[in-house]
Amino acid sequence: MSETEMTRKDSGENRDDNVDKGSIDKSTRGSVSSEISSFQIETESLLCGWLSLRPKCLQPCATSNWLTAVLGTLMFIQGFAISGILYMSLSSIEIRFGFSSTAIGIIAATYDVTIMVLIGFVSYFGATRNKPNILGFGAVIMGCGSLMWAVPHFTSGLYDYDAAYGDEDTLCVPGRNTSKIIHDCIEEGGEGDLSYYFFVFLFAQILHGIGASPIYTVGYAFSDENASHRKASWYLGILSALSIFGPTIGYLVGAYFLTIYVDPLHQDDVTIDNTDPGWVGAWWIGFVLSWILAWLIAIPIGAFPPELPGTKDIQNERQSQAHHSDDAELVQANTDFGKGWNDLWPSTKMLLKNPYYCFMTISKTALTFVIVGFLPFILKFIENQFGLTSSQAGLILAVTSIPGAAGGTLLGGWIINKFNWKVVGMTRFYLGASLITTCLYPVFYLQCPEQQVAGVITSYNSSDTSDLDVINLNHPCNSVCGCAGTETYDPVCGTNNLLYFDACYAGCLDTPDDGETYYNCSCIFSENESGDSPEAVSGKCTYDDCWQLPVFIVGFFFILLTMFLLIAPRAIPGPIVMGIVVDSACVMWQEDCGDTGTCWIYDNHGFAMRFVVFGAAFTGLAMLCSLGALLTYKPPPEPSNEEKIDSANTEPISTIGNSTTTLDKQKERSTVSLLGYTKTDPSNEISGTILENKI
């Protein structure tokens, strides 16, 4: 071969080598460029902001501490509106619109029914979606629900607390024709038309339920994913405490609003005060405030990224404590599990085959059945048992719930964090708290001396202390007075310490001070032999010596403390069942145009007995189920030494890439963790680490 041919051959080989190297370099550069682009997209997904607006000043907020603060504020507002302002307003709404306790219970339970319908879909698909956006959108809907609660006030006209007597006084007027006093139900429709607002309140509660449903599923999961195992219980305790602190502030604010007349611009025209049973406070102001707060918190909650920097490191350090079953291995093998509708039913079957989950769900639901059942009616209970106004009862509830419910929630989180209990330890703790709660229920039997209502509880003869066999407000002493029935309850207290339904049924003929005091009352049989005329004073009778109230406050505090040591899910029919129970203790109903409205007078002893039986029965069920969960729990097997070594060898290198993670892997982990299992991904290395090595 000539020298020239050899040179051409070498040149051709070099040219081929250069082509191959160029192709490799281009391929490498393309791969690196693609990974850089992917890395940038993942990094941007970890930035705080809205849509394409990601200001640098917000980036220091992408931490678990800030997340807990904003989530806690959202839960505070939810508790403030739905469990605080709403429950404080129910007794006023009941009087204003003539609802029964059963109707009030249905309205309150609609919130839980809505959550029951949505919670499965929200928790399942919320785990694989943008959680902050879901929470922000929910806050907006929740605000709309609060606004809808206030709408009936602006559309129902002015409140007439003395509608039964029209423009006339409640005095006894011998020979009066009652047909001229009582509303003409056929022509005017009476107050019965207000019953249609029942459906407006139902719709408002549905909006509340839709907006709040992500809070205790997606919200808690989002917080738990971004916190270490040791800090997670503390963070969740803070969130739960704020969700309890919200109702407490709601009680205080609501109690103040109830001291304002429902129509504030006409408060100077009313002749009654907030001690009168017919008084209705400005219940609607709290809902307007809740609407504004809910819309404001939607802005910061929607600014958080779908996951915080460092979330993957936290997930890698976690160890599953879920009840062990063969399904857990199937989930680990299927990397696409939880991404579509087809996996919803298999996921549900996995939960139903988990005995610990089923027992604890029933147990916590039974306990919360009591809590949620008590809440709508506890103010009514305190008012009737101790003769207080709605605002006074609200203040007592606020004073007990701050250290009781909020303190119990924080204490439970602190105890679990302090002792680092696993599943068995926490279940025993729950069982003990339930037992203590059951032993405290007899505190509900405490009550001040019961109001002796003439014709309802006792005889018109003050010397006859025996119980009545037949309830009847009519008596020969008031038979000629032309009284207007039970549409309006305006009680007066006689000098004989008997309470009369109103001045007419007391037979009072004169009132020199526009209804403050009454004279010449034919039904008040006084033992006073002086020449002074018997008299009655507007309002209920007062008792100076009532030692039971302070004891009840202390006992109720400990009930709240023990009940809120551990957090429980919502209980759907609780308010409905409790509403029926409360109505069964009623002895005097409002009658308006032939329709039954709100309850005016309760049997206090029967009221207390029903509270005790209701609470003890369902708390006992909670204890039995928690014991069953404790006996059937099967812990997951401990990893072998080889698995521990492999896990240590596959730990990712600490680089900037460790602060980001692919959303798909995080979604898989989140979905399965909500089902009670923890998915382990063997290929945990982040592409950012490979990218850094290549660069």
Foldseek 3Di string as FASTA:
>chain_A
DDPVVVVVVVVVVVVVVVVVVVVVVVVLVVVLVVLVVVLVVLVVLQAFDDDPDGDPVCRVCLALVNLLVLLLLLLLLLLLQLQALLLLQLLLVQLQLQAALLLSLVLNLLLVVLLVVCLLVCLLVVLQDQLLLLLLVLLLLLLVLLVLVLVCLVVVDDGDQQQQQPPDDQAFDFQDDSVVGGDPCVPPVFSNVSVVCSVSSSVSSSSNNSSCSCSVRSVLLQSQLRDAPLCSLLSVLSSQLSSLLSNLVSLQVSLVQQQAACPNVCRVVDDDGLQWSSTRGVSSVSSNVSSVSSNVSSVNSNRGRSHHFLSLVRLLPDDAWFFDDPVQVVLQVDLCASPDPVNSVVLVVLQVVRLLNVLLQLLLLLLQLLVSLCSSCVLVLCCQQEVDGSSVSSNLVSVLSNCFQSVLSNVLSVVCSVVVDGDLVVLVLLLVLLVVLLVLLVLLQAGFPGAAEDQFAFHLPLVGPDGDPHRDLDDVQLPRRSRRAQQHAWWKAWPSSHIYRHNSSQNFHDDPPSQQKTFDRRSNDDPDPDPGTIMIGTHHDDDDDRPSVVVSSVSVSSSSSSSNSDDGDHHNSSSSVSSVQQSVQARAFNAHPNDTGYGDHGDSSSNSVSSSVSNNVSSVSSSVSSVVSSVPRHTDDDDDPVVVVLSVVQDEDDDSQSRGDDSSSSSSQSSVVSSRHGHDDSNSYGVVVVSVVSD
